């Protein structure tokens, strides 16, 4: 009897998660059809802002890493 418990619980989990994913995808699809009035230009502008913030954050992280490494006296030269 105990060896059937994982099979039943995994099957139940797959059923519940599959149903949830189906309704989540359906809801997002319906929302996308409803929001067709959104301008493509605004979406591209927002994507560009996100990309710019990511690149600036990455450059800041690299700068902070090099400054911290220099302060700790680490050798940053390539062999």
N, C-alpha and C. Protein backbone atom coordinates (compact mmCIF):
# COMPACT_ATOMS: atom_id res chain seq x y z
N UNK A 1 0.82 -1.20 0.00
CA UNK A 1 0.00 0.00 0.00
C UNK A 1 0.87 1.26 0.00
N UNK A 2 1.97 1.25 0.73
CA UNK A 2 2.81 2.44 0.85
C UNK A 2 3.49 2.81 -0.47
N UNK A 3 3.73 1.83 -1.34
CA UNK A 3 4.40 2.16 -2.59
C UNK A 3 3.48 2.86 -3.59
N UNK A 4 2.17 2.87 -3.33
CA UNK A 4 1.23 3.57 -4.20
C UNK A 4 1.08 5.04 -3.83
N UNK A 5 1.46 5.41 -2.62
CA UNK A 5 1.28 6.79 -2.15
C UNK A 5 2.06 7.79 -3.03
N UNK A 6 3.34 7.57 -3.31
CA UNK A 6 4.04 8.54 -4.17
C UNK A 6 3.43 8.63 -5.57
N UNK A 7 2.98 7.52 -6.11
CA UNK A 7 2.39 7.52 -7.45
C UNK A 7 1.11 8.36 -7.45
N UNK A 8 0.27 8.15 -6.45
CA UNK A 8 -0.98 8.90 -6.37
C UNK A 8 -0.71 10.38 -6.13
N UNK A 9 0.22 10.70 -5.22
CA UNK A 9 0.50 12.10 -4.92
C UNK A 9 1.15 12.82 -6.11
N UNK A 10 2.04 12.15 -6.82
CA UNK A 10 2.67 12.77 -8.00
C UNK A 10 1.63 12.97 -9.09
N UNK A 11 0.75 12.01 -9.28
CA UNK A 11 -0.31 12.16 -10.29
C UNK A 11 -1.23 13.32 -9.92
N UNK A 12 -1.57 13.44 -8.65
CA UNK A 12 -2.41 14.55 -8.19
C UNK A 12 -1.71 15.89 -8.41
N UNK A 13 -0.41 15.94 -8.09
CA UNK A 13 0.36 17.17 -8.26
C UNK A 13 0.41 17.58 -9.73
N UNK A 14 0.65 16.62 -10.61
CA UNK A 14 0.70 16.90 -12.05
C UNK A 14 -0.67 17.41 -12.53
N UNK A 15 -1.73 16.80 -12.06
CA UNK A 15 -3.08 17.22 -12.44
C UNK A 15 -3.37 18.64 -11.97
N UNK A 16 -3.05 18.94 -10.72
CA UNK A 16 -3.32 20.28 -10.17
C UNK A 16 -2.46 21.33 -10.86
N UNK A 17 -1.16 21.06 -11.02
CA UNK A 17 -0.29 22.04 -11.67
C UNK A 17 -0.63 22.21 -13.15
N UNK A 18 -0.98 21.12 -13.82
CA UNK A 18 -1.38 21.21 -15.23
C UNK A 18 -2.64 22.04 -15.40
N UNK A 19 -3.62 21.84 -14.51
CA UNK A 19 -4.84 22.64 -14.57
C UNK A 19 -4.54 24.11 -14.31
N UNK A 20 -3.70 24.37 -13.31
CA UNK A 20 -3.33 25.75 -13.01
C UNK A 20 -2.61 26.42 -14.16
N UNK A 21 -1.68 25.70 -14.80
CA UNK A 21 -0.96 26.26 -15.94
C UNK A 21 -1.90 26.53 -17.11
N UNK A 22 -2.84 25.63 -17.35
CA UNK A 22 -3.79 25.83 -18.43
C UNK A 22 -4.58 27.12 -18.22
N UNK A 23 -5.12 27.31 -17.01
CA UNK A 23 -5.91 28.50 -16.77
C UNK A 23 -5.06 29.76 -16.73
N UNK A 24 -3.81 29.65 -16.29
CA UNK A 24 -2.92 30.82 -16.31
C UNK A 24 -2.62 31.24 -17.74
N UNK A 25 -2.31 30.26 -18.60
CA UNK A 25 -2.04 30.58 -20.01
C UNK A 25 -3.28 31.14 -20.67
N UNK A 26 -4.43 30.56 -20.39
CA UNK A 26 -5.69 31.05 -20.97
C UNK A 26 -5.98 32.47 -20.53
N UNK A 27 -5.76 32.77 -19.25
CA UNK A 27 -6.02 34.12 -18.74
C UNK A 27 -5.09 35.13 -19.40
N UNK A 28 -3.79 34.78 -19.52
CA UNK A 28 -2.85 35.71 -20.15
C UNK A 28 -3.18 35.89 -21.63
N UNK A 29 -3.60 34.84 -22.30
CA UNK A 29 -3.98 34.96 -23.69
C UNK A 29 -5.19 35.88 -23.84
N UNK A 30 -6.19 35.71 -22.98
CA UNK A 30 -7.37 36.58 -23.03
C UNK A 30 -7.02 38.03 -22.72
N UNK A 31 -6.10 38.23 -21.77
CA UNK A 31 -5.69 39.59 -21.44
C UNK A 31 -4.95 40.23 -22.63
N UNK A 32 -4.16 39.44 -23.34
CA UNK A 32 -3.43 39.95 -24.50
C UNK A 32 -4.37 40.34 -25.62
N UNK A 33 -5.45 39.56 -25.81
CA UNK A 33 -6.42 39.93 -26.84
C UNK A 33 -7.17 41.19 -26.46
N UNK A 34 -7.41 41.36 -25.16
CA UNK A 34 -8.16 42.52 -24.71
C UNK A 34 -7.31 43.80 -24.78
N UNK A 35 -6.01 43.68 -24.59
CA UNK A 35 -5.13 44.85 -24.54
C UNK A 35 -4.41 45.13 -25.84
N UNK A 36 -5.03 44.86 -26.97
CA UNK A 36 -4.39 45.09 -28.26
C UNK A 36 -4.14 46.57 -28.54
N UNK A 37 -4.81 47.47 -27.82
CA UNK A 37 -4.67 48.90 -28.07
C UNK A 37 -3.34 49.46 -27.63
N UNK A 38 -2.53 48.68 -26.94
CA UNK A 38 -1.23 49.15 -26.48
C UNK A 38 -0.34 49.44 -27.67
N UNK A 39 0.31 50.55 -27.62
CA UNK A 39 1.15 50.92 -28.76
C UNK A 39 2.48 50.17 -28.71
N UNK A 40 2.92 49.75 -29.87
CA UNK A 40 4.17 49.02 -29.97
C UNK A 40 5.35 49.90 -29.57
N UNK A 41 5.22 51.18 -29.86
CA UNK A 41 6.30 52.11 -29.54
C UNK A 41 6.55 52.21 -28.04
N UNK A 42 5.47 52.24 -27.26
CA UNK A 42 5.61 52.33 -25.82
C UNK A 42 6.25 51.07 -25.24
N UNK A 43 5.90 49.93 -25.80
CA UNK A 43 6.48 48.67 -25.33
C UNK A 43 7.97 48.63 -25.66
N UNK A 44 8.34 49.06 -26.86
CA UNK A 44 9.75 49.08 -27.23
C UNK A 44 10.54 50.06 -26.37
N UNK A 45 9.94 51.20 -26.06
CA UNK A 45 10.61 52.19 -25.22
C UNK A 45 10.84 51.62 -23.82
N UNK A 46 9.85 50.95 -23.28
CA UNK A 46 10.00 50.35 -21.95
C UNK A 46 11.07 49.27 -21.96
N UNK A 47 11.09 48.46 -23.02
CA UNK A 47 12.12 47.43 -23.13
C UNK A 47 13.51 48.03 -23.24
N UNK A 48 13.64 49.13 -23.96
CA UNK A 48 14.92 49.82 -24.06
C UNK A 48 15.39 50.38 -22.73
N UNK A 49 14.45 50.90 -21.96
CA UNK A 49 14.80 51.42 -20.63
C UNK A 49 15.29 50.29 -19.72
N UNK A 50 14.61 49.16 -19.77
CA UNK A 50 15.02 48.02 -18.95
C UNK A 50 16.41 47.54 -19.35
N UNK A 51 16.66 47.46 -20.65
CA UNK A 51 17.97 47.03 -21.14
C UNK A 51 19.06 48.02 -20.72
N UNK A 52 18.77 49.31 -20.80
CA UNK A 52 19.75 50.33 -20.41
C UNK A 52 20.06 50.25 -18.92
N UNK A 53 19.04 50.08 -18.10
CA UNK A 53 19.25 49.95 -16.66
C UNK A 53 20.08 48.70 -16.35
N UNK A 54 19.81 47.60 -17.06
CA UNK A 54 20.57 46.38 -16.85
C UNK A 54 22.04 46.57 -17.20
N UNK A 55 22.32 47.20 -18.34
CA UNK A 55 23.70 47.41 -18.77
C UNK A 55 24.43 48.34 -17.80
N UNK A 56 23.76 49.41 -17.36
CA UNK A 56 24.39 50.32 -16.41
C UNK A 56 24.65 49.64 -15.07
N UNK A 57 23.72 48.81 -14.63
CA UNK A 57 23.92 48.07 -13.39
C UNK A 57 25.09 47.10 -13.51
N UNK A 58 25.19 46.44 -14.66
CA UNK A 58 26.28 45.51 -14.89
C UNK A 58 27.63 46.23 -14.89
N UNK A 59 27.69 47.39 -15.55
CA UNK A 59 28.93 48.16 -15.56
C UNK A 59 29.29 48.65 -14.15
N UNK A 60 28.30 49.08 -13.40
CA UNK A 60 28.54 49.50 -12.01
C UNK A 60 29.05 48.36 -11.16
N UNK A 61 28.49 47.17 -11.34
CA UNK A 61 28.96 46.01 -10.60
C UNK A 61 30.40 45.66 -10.93
N UNK A 62 30.75 45.74 -12.22
CA UNK A 62 32.13 45.46 -12.63
C UNK A 62 33.07 46.49 -12.02
N UNK A 63 32.68 47.75 -12.03
CA UNK A 63 33.52 48.81 -11.46
C UNK A 63 33.72 48.60 -9.97
N UNK A 64 32.64 48.31 -9.24
CA UNK A 64 32.74 48.08 -7.80
C UNK A 64 33.61 46.86 -7.51
N UNK A 65 33.50 45.83 -8.34
CA UNK A 65 34.31 44.62 -8.15
C UNK A 65 35.79 44.93 -8.31
N UNK A 66 36.15 45.69 -9.36
CA UNK A 66 37.55 46.02 -9.57
C UNK A 66 38.08 46.93 -8.47
N UNK A 67 37.29 47.89 -8.03
CA UNK A 67 37.74 48.78 -6.96
C UNK A 67 37.95 47.99 -5.67
N UNK A 68 37.02 47.11 -5.34
CA UNK A 68 37.15 46.30 -4.13
C UNK A 68 38.35 45.36 -4.23
N UNK A 69 38.57 44.79 -5.42
CA UNK A 69 39.72 43.90 -5.60
C UNK A 69 41.03 44.66 -5.44
N UNK A 70 41.09 45.87 -5.95
CA UNK A 70 42.30 46.69 -5.79
C UNK A 70 42.53 47.05 -4.33
N UNK A 71 41.44 47.38 -3.62
CA UNK A 71 41.58 47.74 -2.21
C UNK A 71 42.06 46.55 -1.38
N UNK A 72 41.67 45.35 -1.76
CA UNK A 72 42.08 44.16 -1.04
C UNK A 72 43.46 43.67 -1.49
N UNK A 73 44.02 44.30 -2.52
CA UNK A 73 45.37 43.95 -2.97
C UNK A 73 45.43 42.72 -3.84
N UNK A 74 44.34 42.40 -4.51
CA UNK A 74 44.34 41.23 -5.38
C UNK A 74 45.01 41.56 -6.71
N UNK A 75 45.69 40.59 -7.28
CA UNK A 75 46.36 40.77 -8.56
C UNK A 75 45.36 40.50 -9.68
N UNK A 76 45.08 41.52 -10.50
CA UNK A 76 44.07 41.40 -11.56
C UNK A 76 44.69 41.29 -12.94
N UNK A 77 45.98 41.03 -13.02
CA UNK A 77 46.62 40.92 -14.33
C UNK A 77 46.46 39.50 -14.87
N UNK A 78 46.44 39.40 -16.19
CA UNK A 78 46.37 38.10 -16.84
C UNK A 78 47.79 37.54 -17.01
N UNK A 79 47.94 36.24 -16.89
CA UNK A 79 49.30 35.64 -17.02
C UNK A 79 49.82 35.72 -18.43
